[in-house]
C-alpha atoms as a PDB file:
ATOM      1  CA  UNK A   1       0.000   0.000   0.000  1.00  0.00           C
ATOM      2  CA  UNK A   2       1.380   3.362  -1.019  1.00  0.00           C
ATOM      3  CA  UNK A   3       1.683   6.060   1.564  1.00  0.00           C
ATOM      4  CA  UNK A   4       0.676   9.575   0.633  1.00  0.00           C
ATOM      5  CA  UNK A   5       3.499  12.015   0.346  1.00  0.00           C
ATOM      6  CA  UNK A   6       4.059  14.191   3.429  1.00  0.00           C
ATOM      7  CA  UNK A   7       3.005  17.822   3.095  1.00  0.00           C
ATOM      8  CA  UNK A   8       5.676  20.307   2.190  1.00  0.00           C
ATOM      9  CA  UNK A   9       7.539  21.951   5.034  1.00  0.00           C
ATOM     10  CA  UNK A  10       5.790  24.953   6.567  1.00  0.00           C
ATOM     11  CA  UNK A  11       2.334  24.011   5.312  1.00  0.00           C
ATOM     12  CA  UNK A  12       1.075  22.172   8.406  1.00  0.00           C
ATOM     13  CA  UNK A  13      -2.440  23.461   9.338  1.00  0.00           C
ATOM     14  CA  UNK A  14      -2.942  24.736  12.892  1.00  0.00           C
ATOM     15  CA  UNK A  15      -5.067  22.573  15.198  1.00  0.00           C
ATOM     16  CA  UNK A  16      -8.830  23.187  15.116  1.00  0.00           C
ATOM     17  CA  UNK A  17     -10.097  25.559  17.783  1.00  0.00           C
ATOM     18  CA  UNK A  18     -13.601  24.922  19.045  1.00  0.00           C
ATOM     19  CA  UNK A  19     -15.538  28.158  19.345  1.00  0.00           C
ATOM     20  CA  UNK A  20     -17.529  28.657  22.497  1.00  0.00           C
ATOM     21  CA  UNK A  21     -21.227  28.976  21.641  1.00  0.00           C
ATOM     22  CA  UNK A  22     -23.074  31.408  23.861  1.00  0.00           C
ATOM     23  CA  UNK A  23     -26.260  29.915  25.262  1.00  0.00           C
ATOM     24  CA  UNK A  24     -29.499  31.839  24.949  1.00  0.00           C
ATOM     25  CA  UNK A  25     -30.307  30.696  28.472  1.00  0.00           C
ATOM     26  CA  UNK A  26     -28.773  33.101  30.959  1.00  0.00           C
ATOM     27  CA  UNK A  27     -27.268  32.052  34.247  1.00  0.00           C
ATOM     28  CA  UNK A  28     -29.988  34.080  35.940  1.00  0.00           C
ATOM     29  CA  UNK A  29     -32.684  32.061  34.172  1.00  0.00           C
ATOM     30  CA  UNK A  30     -30.990  28.793  35.123  1.00  0.00           C
ATOM     31  CA  UNK A  31     -30.724  29.881  38.732  1.00  0.00           C
ATOM     32  CA  UNK A  32     -34.387  30.882  38.727  1.00  0.00           C
ATOM     33  CA  UNK A  33     -35.411  27.501  37.294  1.00  0.00           C
ATOM     34  CA  UNK A  34     -33.796  25.604  40.165  1.00  0.00           C
ATOM     35  CA  UNK A  35     -34.922  28.071  42.829  1.00  0.00           C
ATOM     36  CA  UNK A  36     -37.741  26.808  45.101  1.00  0.00           C
ATOM     37  CA  UNK A  37     -41.160  28.264  44.286  1.00  0.00           C
ATOM     38  CA  UNK A  38     -41.333  29.924  47.695  1.00  0.00           C
ATOM     39  CA  UNK A  39     -38.201  31.938  46.885  1.00  0.00           C
ATOM     40  CA  UNK A  40     -39.179  33.050  43.381  1.00  0.00           C
ATOM     41  CA  UNK A  41     -40.439  36.562  42.732  1.00  0.00           C
ATOM     42  CA  UNK A  42     -44.146  36.554  41.835  1.00  0.00           C
ATOM     43  CA  UNK A  43     -45.126  37.213  38.221  1.00  0.00           C
ATOM     44  CA  UNK A  44     -45.964  40.854  37.635  1.00  0.00           C
ATOM     45  CA  UNK A  45     -48.876  40.073  35.287  1.00  0.00           C
ATOM     46  CA  UNK A  46     -51.470  37.535  36.416  1.00  0.00           C
ATOM     47  CA  UNK A  47     -54.466  36.492  34.272  1.00  0.00           C
ATOM     48  CA  UNK A  48     -57.812  34.954  35.152  1.00  0.00           C
ATOM     49  CA  UNK A  49     -61.294  34.675  33.623  1.00  0.00           C
ATOM     50  CA  UNK A  50     -64.750  35.139  35.126  1.00  0.00           C
ATOM     51  CA  UNK A  51     -67.893  33.312  33.966  1.00  0.00           C
ATOM     52  CA  UNK A  52     -66.220  32.185  30.719  1.00  0.00           C
ATOM     53  CA  UNK A  53     -66.680  35.757  29.513  1.00  0.00           C
ATOM     54  CA  UNK A  54     -64.537  38.361  31.267  1.00  0.00           C
ATOM     55  CA  UNK A  55     -60.738  38.395  30.967  1.00  0.00           C
ATOM     56  CA  UNK A  56     -58.906  40.054  33.847  1.00  0.00           C
ATOM     57  CA  UNK A  57     -55.219  40.912  34.001  1.00  0.00           C
ATOM     58  CA  UNK A  58     -53.544  42.398  37.060  1.00  0.00           C
ATOM     59  CA  UNK A  59     -50.118  43.978  36.600  1.00  0.00           C
ATOM     60  CA  UNK A  60     -48.436  44.447  39.962  1.00  0.00           C
ATOM     61  CA  UNK A  61     -45.398  46.560  40.754  1.00  0.00           C
ATOM     62  CA  UNK A  62     -44.197  45.938  44.328  1.00  0.00           C
ATOM     63  CA  UNK A  63     -43.837  49.150  46.289  1.00  0.00           C
ATOM     64  CA  UNK A  64     -40.993  49.418  48.776  1.00  0.00           C
ATOM     65  CA  UNK A  65     -42.091  50.209  51.370  1.00  0.00           C
ATOM     66  CA  UNK A  66     -45.756  49.328  50.674  1.00  0.00           C
ATOM     67  CA  UNK A  67     -47.948  52.424  50.631  1.00  0.00           C
ATOM     68  CA  UNK A  68     -51.118  52.327  52.747  1.00  0.00           C
ATOM     69  CA  UNK A  69     -54.347  52.943  50.851  1.00  0.00           C
ATOM     70  CA  UNK A  70     -56.504  55.854  51.896  1.00  0.00           C
ATOM     71  CA  UNK A  71     -60.234  56.018  51.196  1.00  0.00           C
ATOM     72  CA  UNK A  72     -62.025  57.196  49.179  1.00  0.00           C
ATOM     73  CA  UNK A  73     -60.008  56.040  46.163  1.00  0.00           C
ATOM     74  CA  UNK A  74     -59.862  58.051  42.942  1.00  0.00           C
ATOM     75  CA  UNK A  75     -60.159  55.850  39.849  1.00  0.00           C
ATOM     76  CA  UNK A  76     -58.782  56.719  36.409  1.00  0.00           C
ATOM     77  CA  UNK A  77     -60.347  54.291  33.930  1.00  0.00           C
ATOM     78  CA  UNK A  78     -59.542  54.057  30.225  1.00  0.00           C
ATOM     79  CA  UNK A  79     -60.587  52.284  27.073  1.00  0.00           C
ATOM     80  CA  UNK A  80     -57.695  50.507  25.337  1.00  0.00           C
ATOM     81  CA  UNK A  81     -57.877  50.650  21.528  1.00  0.00           C
ATOM     82  CA  UNK A  82     -57.696  54.140  19.998  1.00  0.00           C
ATOM     83  CA  UNK A  83     -57.503  55.617  23.491  1.00  0.00           C
ATOM     84  CA  UNK A  84     -54.264  54.382  25.060  1.00  0.00           C
ATOM     85  CA  UNK A  85     -52.808  52.619  22.016  1.00  0.00           C
ATOM     86  CA  UNK A  86     -53.340  52.439  18.276  1.00  0.00           C
ATOM     87  CA  UNK A  87     -51.972  50.116  15.541  1.00  0.00           C
ATOM     88  CA  UNK A  88     -48.590  51.154  14.160  1.00  0.00           C
ATOM     89  CA  UNK A  89     -49.248  49.437  10.831  1.00  0.00           C
ATOM     90  CA  UNK A  90     -52.196  51.436   9.532  1.00  0.00           C
ATOM     91  CA  UNK A  91     -54.593  48.532  10.128  1.00  0.00           C
ATOM     92  CA  UNK A  92     -57.781  48.949  12.112  1.00  0.00           C
ATOM     93  CA  UNK A  93     -56.541  46.566  14.825  1.00  0.00           C
ATOM     94  CA  UNK A  94     -53.097  45.555  16.052  1.00  0.00           C
ATOM     95  CA  UNK A  95     -52.483  42.083  14.616  1.00  0.00           C
ATOM     96  CA  UNK A  96     -49.458  41.099  16.707  1.00  0.00           C
ATOM     97  CA  UNK A  97     -48.137  41.711  20.198  1.00  0.00           C
ATOM     98  CA  UNK A  98     -45.765  44.416  18.961  1.00  0.00           C
ATOM     99  CA  UNK A  99     -47.820  46.058  16.197  1.00  0.00           C
ATOM    100  CA  UNK A 100     -49.016  48.906  18.415  1.00  0.00           C
ATOM    101  CA  UNK A 101     -47.889  52.336  19.511  1.00  0.00           C
ATOM    102  CA  UNK A 102     -49.083  54.812  22.103  1.00  0.00           C
ATOM    103  CA  UNK A 103     -52.105  56.802  20.935  1.00  0.00           C
ATOM    104  CA  UNK A 104     -50.016  59.874  21.708  1.00  0.00           C
ATOM    105  CA  UNK A 105     -46.460  60.133  23.085  1.00  0.00           C
ATOM    106  CA  UNK A 106     -47.863  61.850  26.176  1.00  0.00           C
ATOM    107  CA  UNK A 107     -49.887  58.793  27.270  1.00  0.00           C
ATOM    108  CA  UNK A 108     -47.275  56.974  29.423  1.00  0.00           C
ATOM    109  CA  UNK A 109     -46.236  60.145  31.225  1.00  0.00           C
ATOM    110  CA  UNK A 110     -49.827  61.137  31.907  1.00  0.00           C
ATOM    111  CA  UNK A 111     -50.621  57.725  33.368  1.00  0.00           C
ATOM    112  CA  UNK A 112     -47.540  57.879  35.590  1.00  0.00           C
ATOM    113  CA  UNK A 113     -48.629  61.296  36.863  1.00  0.00           C
ATOM    114  CA  UNK A 114     -52.048  59.885  37.742  1.00  0.00           C
ATOM    115  CA  UNK A 115     -50.415  56.992  39.596  1.00  0.00           C
ATOM    116  CA  UNK A 116     -48.170  59.405  41.486  1.00  0.00           C
ATOM    117  CA  UNK A 117     -51.270  61.432  42.417  1.00  0.00           C
ATOM    118  CA  UNK A 118     -52.818  58.364  44.033  1.00  0.00           C
ATOM    119  CA  UNK A 119     -55.210  57.274  41.273  1.00  0.00           C
ATOM    120  CA  UNK A 120     -56.058  53.607  40.756  1.00  0.00           C
ATOM    121  CA  UNK A 121     -55.407  52.869  37.061  1.00  0.00           C
ATOM    122  CA  UNK A 122     -57.926  50.652  35.269  1.00  0.00           C
ATOM    123  CA  UNK A 123     -58.517  49.598  31.642  1.00  0.00           C
ATOM    124  CA  UNK A 124     -62.063  48.589  30.631  1.00  0.00           C
ATOM    125  CA  UNK A 125     -62.254  47.287  27.059  1.00  0.00           C
ATOM    126  CA  UNK A 126     -64.750  45.457  24.863  1.00  0.00           C
ATOM    127  CA  UNK A 127     -62.959  42.646  22.981  1.00  0.00           C
ATOM    128  CA  UNK A 128     -65.682  40.916  20.965  1.00  0.00           C
ATOM    129  CA  UNK A 129     -63.112  39.396  18.581  1.00  0.00           C
ATOM    130  CA  UNK A 130     -62.182  36.998  21.389  1.00  0.00           C
ATOM    131  CA  UNK A 131     -64.399  34.051  22.281  1.00  0.00           C
ATOM    132  CA  UNK A 132     -63.991  31.980  25.442  1.00  0.00           C
ATOM    133  CA  UNK A 133     -66.678  29.483  24.431  1.00  0.00           C
ATOM    134  CA  UNK A 134     -65.717  25.863  23.798  1.00  0.00           C
ATOM    135  CA  UNK A 135     -66.533  25.671  20.098  1.00  0.00           C
ATOM    136  CA  UNK A 136     -64.510  22.911  18.367  1.00  0.00           C
ATOM    137  CA  UNK A 137     -65.017  24.546  14.963  1.00  0.00           C
ATOM    138  CA  UNK A 138     -63.364  27.814  16.003  1.00  0.00           C
ATOM    139  CA  UNK A 139     -61.129  26.597  18.836  1.00  0.00           C
ATOM    140  CA  UNK A 140     -57.835  27.179  17.012  1.00  0.00           C
ATOM    141  CA  UNK A 141     -58.824  30.682  15.920  1.00  0.00           C
ATOM    142  CA  UNK A 142     -60.207  31.537  19.362  1.00  0.00           C
ATOM    143  CA  UNK A 143     -57.026  30.404  21.099  1.00  0.00           C
ATOM    144  CA  UNK A 144     -54.933  32.483  18.697  1.00  0.00           C
ATOM    145  CA  UNK A 145     -57.072  35.584  19.306  1.00  0.00           C
ATOM    146  CA  UNK A 146     -56.818  35.158  23.071  1.00  0.00           C
ATOM    147  CA  UNK A 147     -53.055  34.629  22.953  1.00  0.00           C
ATOM    148  CA  UNK A 148     -52.593  37.675  20.714  1.00  0.00           C
ATOM    149  CA  UNK A 149     -54.611  39.876  23.076  1.00  0.00           C
ATOM    150  CA  UNK A 150     -52.727  38.695  26.155  1.00  0.00           C
ATOM    151  CA  UNK A 151     -49.356  39.138  24.443  1.00  0.00           C
ATOM    152  CA  UNK A 152     -50.265  42.634  23.293  1.00  0.00           C
ATOM    153  CA  UNK A 153     -51.597  43.626  26.718  1.00  0.00           C
ATOM    154  CA  UNK A 154     -48.483  42.181  28.342  1.00  0.00           C
ATOM    155  CA  UNK A 155     -46.271  44.217  26.024  1.00  0.00           C
ATOM    156  CA  UNK A 156     -48.211  47.405  26.804  1.00  0.00           C
ATOM    157  CA  UNK A 157     -48.241  46.903  30.569  1.00  0.00           C
ATOM    158  CA  UNK A 158     -44.569  45.928  30.745  1.00  0.00           C
ATOM    159  CA  UNK A 159     -43.590  49.059  28.861  1.00  0.00           C
ATOM    160  CA  UNK A 160     -45.790  51.144  31.150  1.00  0.00           C
ATOM    161  CA  UNK A 161     -44.616  49.293  34.305  1.00  0.00           C
ATOM    162  CA  UNK A 162     -47.286  50.719  36.602  1.00  0.00           C
ATOM    163  CA  UNK A 163     -49.887  48.929  38.731  1.00  0.00           C
ATOM    164  CA  UNK A 164     -52.798  48.531  36.288  1.00  0.00           C
ATOM    165  CA  UNK A 165     -55.868  46.292  36.152  1.00  0.00           C
ATOM    166  CA  UNK A 166     -57.200  45.395  32.693  1.00  0.00           C
ATOM    167  CA  UNK A 167     -60.701  44.025  32.087  1.00  0.00           C
ATOM    168  CA  UNK A 168     -61.778  42.720  28.671  1.00  0.00           C
ATOM    169  CA  UNK A 169     -65.416  41.847  27.936  1.00  0.00           C
ATOM    170  CA  UNK A 170     -65.713  39.145  25.278  1.00  0.00           C
ATOM    171  CA  UNK A 171     -69.454  38.408  25.299  1.00  0.00           C
ATOM    172  CA  UNK A 172     -72.816  40.102  24.918  1.00  0.00           C
ATOM    173  CA  UNK A 173     -73.563  40.140  28.633  1.00  0.00           C
ATOM    174  CA  UNK A 174     -73.444  42.297  31.767  1.00  0.00           C
ATOM    175  CA  UNK A 175     -69.730  42.943  31.323  1.00  0.00           C
ATOM    176  CA  UNK A 176     -69.947  44.535  27.890  1.00  0.00           C
ATOM    177  CA  UNK A 177     -69.876  48.331  27.799  1.00  0.00           C
ATOM    178  CA  UNK A 178     -71.945  50.385  28.355  1.00  0.00           C
ATOM    179  CA  UNK A 179     -73.154  47.907  30.966  1.00  0.00           C
ATOM    180  CA  UNK A 180     -71.328  48.355  34.257  1.00  0.00           C
ATOM    181  CA  UNK A 181     -70.348  44.716  34.931  1.00  0.00           C
ATOM    182  CA  UNK A 182     -66.604  45.300  34.404  1.00  0.00           C
ATOM    183  CA  UNK A 183     -66.674  48.280  36.766  1.00  0.00           C
ATOM    184  CA  UNK A 184     -68.511  46.265  39.414  1.00  0.00           C
ATOM    185  CA  UNK A 185     -66.056  43.371  39.079  1.00  0.00           C
ATOM    186  CA  UNK A 186     -63.168  45.815  39.457  1.00  0.00           C
ATOM    187  CA  UNK A 187     -64.677  47.238  42.655  1.00  0.00           C
ATOM    188  CA  UNK A 188     -64.932  43.723  44.086  1.00  0.00           C
ATOM    189  CA  UNK A 189     -61.340  42.887  43.093  1.00  0.00           C
ATOM    190  CA  UNK A 190     -60.006  45.990  44.850  1.00  0.00           C
ATOM    191  CA  UNK A 191     -62.380  45.762  47.827  1.00  0.00           C
ATOM    192  CA  UNK A 192     -64.036  49.069  46.909  1.00  0.00           C
ATOM    193  CA  UNK A 193     -67.678  47.959  46.881  1.00  0.00           C
ATOM    194  CA  UNK A 194     -68.626  49.666  50.154  1.00  0.00           C
ATOM    195  CA  UNK A 195     -70.452  52.999  50.057  1.00  0.00           C
ATOM    196  CA  UNK A 196     -67.980  55.885  50.059  1.00  0.00           C
ATOM    197  CA  UNK A 197     -64.973  53.740  49.087  1.00  0.00           C
ATOM    198  CA  UNK A 198     -64.652  55.480  45.690  1.00  0.00           C
ATOM    199  CA  UNK A 199     -64.257  59.207  45.143  1.00  0.00           C
ATOM    200  CA  UNK A 200     -66.921  59.415  42.439  1.00  0.00           C
ATOM    201  CA  UNK A 201     -66.543  63.189  42.013  1.00  0.00           C
ATOM    202  CA  UNK A 202     -62.893  62.898  40.962  1.00  0.00           C
ATOM    203  CA  UNK A 203     -63.011  59.537  39.189  1.00  0.00           C
ATOM    204  CA  UNK A 204     -63.388  59.460  35.400  1.00  0.00           C
ATOM    205  CA  UNK A 205     -63.429  57.338  32.253  1.00  0.00           C
ATOM    206  CA  UNK A 206     -61.633  58.124  28.973  1.00  0.00           C
ATOM    207  CA  UNK A 207     -62.720  56.544  25.692  1.00  0.00           C
ATOM    208  CA  UNK A 208     -63.137  57.210  21.986  1.00  0.00           C
ATOM    209  CA  UNK A 209     -66.669  55.775  21.565  1.00  0.00           C
ATOM    210  CA  UNK A 210     -68.318  59.090  22.327  1.00  0.00           C
ATOM    211  CA  UNK A 211     -70.935  59.516  19.585  1.00  0.00           C
ATOM    212  CA  UNK A 212     -69.092  62.374  17.880  1.00  0.00           C
ATOM    213  CA  UNK A 213     -69.653  63.390  14.274  1.00  0.00           C
ATOM    214  CA  UNK A 214     -66.939  63.233  11.625  1.00  0.00           C
ATOM    215  CA  UNK A 215     -64.434  66.095  11.411  1.00  0.00           C
ATOM    216  CA  UNK A 216     -61.467  66.941   9.188  1.00  0.00           C
ATOM    217  CA  UNK A 217     -59.173  65.238  11.720  1.00  0.00           C
ATOM    218  CA  UNK A 218     -61.298  62.302  12.822  1.00  0.00           C
ATOM    219  CA  UNK A 219     -63.794  59.811  11.465  1.00  0.00           C
ATOM    220  CA  UNK A 220     -67.269  59.486  12.946  1.00  0.00           C
ATOM    221  CA  UNK A 221     -67.297  57.618  16.256  1.00  0.00           C
ATOM    222  CA  UNK A 222     -68.461  54.017  15.887  1.00  0.00           C
ATOM    223  CA  UNK A 223     -70.605  54.115  19.037  1.00  0.00           C
ATOM    224  CA  UNK A 224     -71.462  55.966  22.252  1.00  0.00           C
ATOM    225  CA  UNK A 225     -70.641  53.061  24.567  1.00  0.00           C
ATOM    226  CA  UNK A 226     -67.752  54.779  26.373  1.00  0.00           C
ATOM    227  CA  UNK A 227     -69.710  57.951  27.060  1.00  0.00           C
ATOM    228  CA  UNK A 228     -72.723  55.879  28.130  1.00  0.00           C
ATOM    229  CA  UNK A 229     -70.595  53.726  30.428  1.00  0.00           C
ATOM    230  CA  UNK A 230     -69.411  56.785  32.329  1.00  0.00           C
ATOM    231  CA  UNK A 231     -73.011  57.995  32.577  1.00  0.00           C
ATOM    232  CA  UNK A 232     -74.198  54.607  33.850  1.00  0.00           C
ATOM    233  CA  UNK A 233     -71.442  54.541  36.483  1.00  0.00           C
ATOM    234  CA  UNK A 234     -71.950  58.186  37.439  1.00  0.00           C
ATOM    235  CA  UNK A 235     -68.428  59.520  36.814  1.00  0.00           C
ATOM    236  CA  UNK A 236     -66.879  62.134  34.524  1.00  0.00           C
ATOM    237  CA  UNK A 237     -66.208  61.340  30.870  1.00  0.00           C
ATOM    238  CA  UNK A 238     -63.440  62.589  28.562  1.00  0.00           C
ATOM    239  CA  UNK A 239     -62.428  61.770  25.010  1.00  0.00           C
ATOM    240  CA  UNK A 240     -58.729  60.993  24.377  1.00  0.00           C
ATOM    241  CA  UNK A 241     -58.356  64.340  22.618  1.00  0.00           C
ATOM    242  CA  UNK A 242     -59.782  66.196  25.606  1.00  0.00           C
ATOM    243  CA  UNK A 243     -57.785  64.299  28.212  1.00  0.00           C
ATOM    244  CA  UNK A 244     -54.370  63.809  26.613  1.00  0.00           C
ATOM    245  CA  UNK A 245     -54.257  66.769  24.199  1.00  0.00           C
ATOM    246  CA  UNK A 246     -56.263  69.279  26.274  1.00  0.00           C
ATOM    247  CA  UNK A 247     -58.589  69.983  23.354  1.00  0.00           C
ATOM    248  CA  UNK A 248     -61.809  71.888  23.951  1.00  0.00           C
ATOM    249  CA  UNK A 249     -64.776  69.736  24.932  1.00  0.00           C
ATOM    250  CA  UNK A 250     -67.027  69.178  21.934  1.00  0.00           C
ATOM    251  CA  UNK A 251     -70.744  69.858  22.429  1.00  0.00           C
ATOM    252  CA  UNK A 252     -72.789  66.688  22.629  1.00  0.00           C
ATOM    253  CA  UNK A 253     -76.439  65.934  23.270  1.00  0.00           C
ATOM    254  CA  UNK A 254     -77.703  62.446  24.034  1.00  0.00           C
ATOM    255  CA  UNK A 255     -80.201  61.173  21.475  1.00  0.00           C
ATOM    256  CA  UNK A 256     -81.850  59.317  24.331  1.00  0.00           C
ATOM    257  CA  UNK A 257     -81.249  60.562  27.875  1.00  0.00           C
ATOM    258  CA  UNK A 258     -82.931  58.336  30.482  1.00  0.00           C
ATOM    259  CA  UNK A 259     -82.376  60.911  33.230  1.00  0.00           C
ATOM    260  CA  UNK A 260     -84.912  63.251  31.620  1.00  0.00           C
ATOM    261  CA  UNK A 261     -87.569  60.551  31.803  1.00  0.00           C
ATOM    262  CA  UNK A 262     -86.629  59.760  35.394  1.00  0.00           C
ATOM    263  CA  UNK A 263     -87.160  63.412  36.288  1.00  0.00           C
ATOM    264  CA  UNK A 264     -90.659  63.283  34.790  1.00  0.00           C
ATOM    265  CA  UNK A 265     -91.431  60.109  36.711  1.00  0.00           C
ATOM    266  CA  UNK A 266     -90.200  61.357  40.090  1.00  0.00           C
ATOM    267  CA  UNK A 267     -93.653  61.909  41.635  1.00  0.00           C
ATOM    268  CA  UNK A 268     -94.524  58.232  41.141  1.00  0.00           C
ATOM    269  CA  UNK A 269     -91.146  56.777  42.107  1.00  0.00           C
ATOM    270  CA  UNK A 270     -89.571  55.973  45.445  1.00  0.00           C
ATOM    271  CA  UNK A 271     -85.911  57.005  45.424  1.00  0.00           C
ATOM    272  CA  UNK A 272     -83.477  54.592  46.981  1.00  0.00           C
ATOM    273  CA  UNK A 273     -79.733  54.815  47.422  1.00  0.00           C
ATOM    274  CA  UNK A 274     -78.828  51.864  45.246  1.00  0.00           C
ATOM    275  CA  UNK A 275     -79.869  52.287  41.596  1.00  0.00           C
ATOM    276  CA  UNK A 276     -79.849  48.524  41.114  1.00  0.00           C
ATOM    277  CA  UNK A 277     -82.619  48.236  43.715  1.00  0.00           C
ATOM    278  CA  UNK A 278     -84.792  51.085  42.412  1.00  0.00           C
ATOM    279  CA  UNK A 279     -88.430  50.367  43.124  1.00  0.00           C
ATOM    280  CA  UNK A 280     -91.497  51.762  41.402  1.00  0.00           C
ATOM    281  CA  UNK A 281     -94.147  52.598  43.992  1.00  0.00           C
ATOM    282  CA  UNK A 282     -96.881  51.083  41.805  1.00  0.00           C
ATOM    283  CA  UNK A 283     -95.800  47.556  40.782  1.00  0.00           C
ATOM    284  CA  UNK A 284     -96.255  46.457  37.185  1.00  0.00           C
ATOM    285  CA  UNK A 285     -99.427  44.453  36.707  1.00  0.00           C
ATOM    286  CA  UNK A 286    -101.028  42.703  33.759  1.00  0.00           C
ATOM    287  CA  UNK A 287    -104.322  44.486  33.017  1.00  0.00           C
ATOM    288  CA  UNK A 288    -105.501  42.520  29.961  1.00  0.00           C
ATOM    289  CA  UNK A 289    -105.537  38.837  28.939  1.00  0.00           C
ATOM    290  CA  UNK A 290    -102.912  39.554  26.326  1.00  0.00           C
ATOM    291  CA  UNK A 291    -100.771  42.686  25.997  1.00  0.00           C
ATOM    292  CA  UNK A 292     -97.897  44.072  23.944  1.00  0.00           C
ATOM    293  CA  UNK A 293     -94.945  45.689  25.745  1.00  0.00           C
ATOM    294  CA  UNK A 294     -92.327  47.513  23.648  1.00  0.00           C
ATOM    295  CA  UNK A 295     -88.993  48.227  25.326  1.00  0.00           C
ATOM    296  CA  UNK A 296     -87.283  51.554  24.648  1.00  0.00           C
ATOM    297  CA  UNK A 297     -83.929  52.196  26.286  1.00  0.00           C
ATOM    298  CA  UNK A 298     -80.218  52.510  25.678  1.00  0.00           C
ATOM    299  CA  UNK A 299     -77.907  49.480  26.024  1.00  0.00           C
ATOM    300  CA  UNK A 300     -77.478  48.562  29.654  1.00  0.00           C
ATOM    301  CA  UNK A 301     -80.669  50.352  30.729  1.00  0.00           C
ATOM    302  CA  UNK A 302     -82.090  47.151  32.220  1.00  0.00           C
ATOM    303  CA  UNK A 303     -84.555  45.993  29.564  1.00  0.00           C
ATOM    304  CA  UNK A 304     -83.538  42.338  29.755  1.00  0.00           C
ATOM    305  CA  UNK A 305     -83.406  42.421  33.542  1.00  0.00           C
ATOM    306  CA  UNK A 306     -86.924  43.876  33.689  1.00  0.00           C
ATOM    307  CA  UNK A 307     -88.212  41.183  31.360  1.00  0.00           C
ATOM    308  CA  UNK A 308     -86.730  38.267  33.294  1.00  0.00           C
ATOM    309  CA  UNK A 309     -87.590  39.663  36.736  1.00  0.00           C
ATOM    310  CA  UNK A 310     -91.048  41.119  36.032  1.00  0.00           C
ATOM    311  CA  UNK A 311     -92.603  40.198  32.676  1.00  0.00           C
ATOM    312  CA  UNK A 312     -91.492  36.600  32.255  1.00  0.00           C
ATOM    313  CA  UNK A 313     -93.057  35.525  35.591  1.00  0.00           C
ATOM    314  CA  UNK A 314     -96.331  37.145  34.391  1.00  0.00           C
ATOM    315  CA  UNK A 315     -96.342  34.932  31.292  1.00  0.00           C
ATOM    316  CA  UNK A 316     -95.038  37.366  28.658  1.00  0.00           C
ATOM    317  CA  UNK A 317     -93.291  35.833  25.653  1.00  0.00           C
ATOM    318  CA  UNK A 318     -90.143  37.556  24.444  1.00  0.00           C
ATOM    319  CA  UNK A 319     -89.418  38.762  20.897  1.00  0.00           C
ATOM    320  CA  UNK A 320     -85.790  39.847  20.627  1.00  0.00           C
ATOM    321  CA  UNK A 321     -84.202  41.362  17.522  1.00  0.00           C
ATOM    322  CA  UNK A 322     -80.710  40.405  18.711  1.00  0.00           C
ATOM    323  CA  UNK A 323     -81.857  36.792  18.390  1.00  0.00           C
ATOM    324  CA  UNK A 324     -84.165  36.991  15.349  1.00  0.00           C
ATOM    325  CA  UNK A 325     -81.793  39.446  13.577  1.00  0.00           C
ATOM    326  CA  UNK A 326     -84.341  41.370  11.447  1.00  0.00           C
ATOM    327  CA  UNK A 327     -87.268  43.693  12.143  1.00  0.00           C
ATOM    328  CA  UNK A 328     -89.543  41.765   9.781  1.00  0.00           C
ATOM    329  CA  UNK A 329     -88.943  38.513  11.652  1.00  0.00           C
ATOM    330  CA  UNK A 330     -89.721  40.263  14.934  1.00  0.00           C
ATOM    331  CA  UNK A 331     -93.018  41.640  13.602  1.00  0.00           C
ATOM    332  CA  UNK A 332     -93.991  38.246  12.214  1.00  0.00           C
ATOM    333  CA  UNK A 333     -93.185  36.473  15.486  1.00  0.00           C
ATOM    334  CA  UNK A 334     -95.019  39.066  17.587  1.00  0.00           C
ATOM    335  CA  UNK A 335     -98.135  38.747  15.393  1.00  0.00           C
ATOM    336  CA  UNK A 336     -98.105  34.969  15.721  1.00  0.00           C
ATOM    337  CA  UNK A 337     -97.870  35.148  19.512  1.00  0.00           C
ATOM    338  CA  UNK A 338    -100.568  37.823  19.831  1.00  0.00           C
ATOM    339  CA  UNK A 339    -102.916  35.887  17.533  1.00  0.00           C
ATOM    340  CA  UNK A 340    -102.363  32.877  19.785  1.00  0.00           C
ATOM    341  CA  UNK A 341    -103.664  34.928  22.708  1.00  0.00           C
ATOM    342  CA  UNK A 342    -100.310  35.448  24.401  1.00  0.00           C
ATOM    343  CA  UNK A 343     -98.751  38.600  25.829  1.00  0.00           C
ATOM    344  CA  UNK A 344     -95.541  39.747  24.168  1.00  0.00           C
ATOM    345  CA  UNK A 345     -92.536  41.882  25.127  1.00  0.00           C
ATOM    346  CA  UNK A 346     -90.547  43.252  22.174  1.00  0.00           C
ATOM    347  CA  UNK A 347     -87.062  44.720  22.259  1.00  0.00           C
ATOM    348  CA  UNK A 348     -83.334  44.209  21.867  1.00  0.00           C
ATOM    349  CA  UNK A 349     -80.955  43.069  24.556  1.00  0.00           C
END
């Protein structure tokens, strides 16, 4: 067997040197992994859900030393989309956890000032694109939507790094604005449900769904739910432009203002401290074998509650446009029930 010729003098290659590959796992992360649970720092952002409908996130920043809470508490509550943040891509909604920017550069500083002034910071947001229902057909999409929302909220809260509670209503129920379910849940979470625990005169809500007409700078508001939420709670309301940019308050008149009708009805009503327990001095009675009741009221006014608590026990059938979808179907259904000799209550949820 022939041996290969030796390499020429001076051409011997240097020995191979193994390069040290830096691990993406830091020594701090490794140490944390092996640290007992009792010694680990608690997560700043903790999530939970209520009634398979309401998503709640609590971002905690430990205060050293802990500051005692003084009552009554002032609450600064905000909508999320197009109030605190807006998409940075030109899309209507932020599609990823990082595709957002502050609605205005002044937002973080303003929120920090409120925190320093002793305000409790809260976010109340409708998130109907998320579903918490167990639907096998949409499970993958629903899980992706939920994960995207949580990742985006986490990114926002970490950048802000202030104690903030975020509430996201995903269903058509008591939590959805302008209903006050999210506010009530927040009061329970912070042990502020007792009378006098909240400084209602100095608390406020900021949101873009204010029922404003189109201008050269802004499109027409898609709803009045933020303005109506503040009215239902009984606190001040501001648009983002008014609160963050100090713009002049735009004139606005409610198309339907329930308080005007309550004023007219005062002689026949017994006022009580808790609006949820308001009692009419003359109870509702059924005067004819079959009757037609037509509900008229803004979202969250209590139409559904009145039906289930008062009319349904009296035998009234319900015709609901949110269920039947069209006005024609509602009229047809109401006629059928009336012709059958039944009493009917008509309205939306």
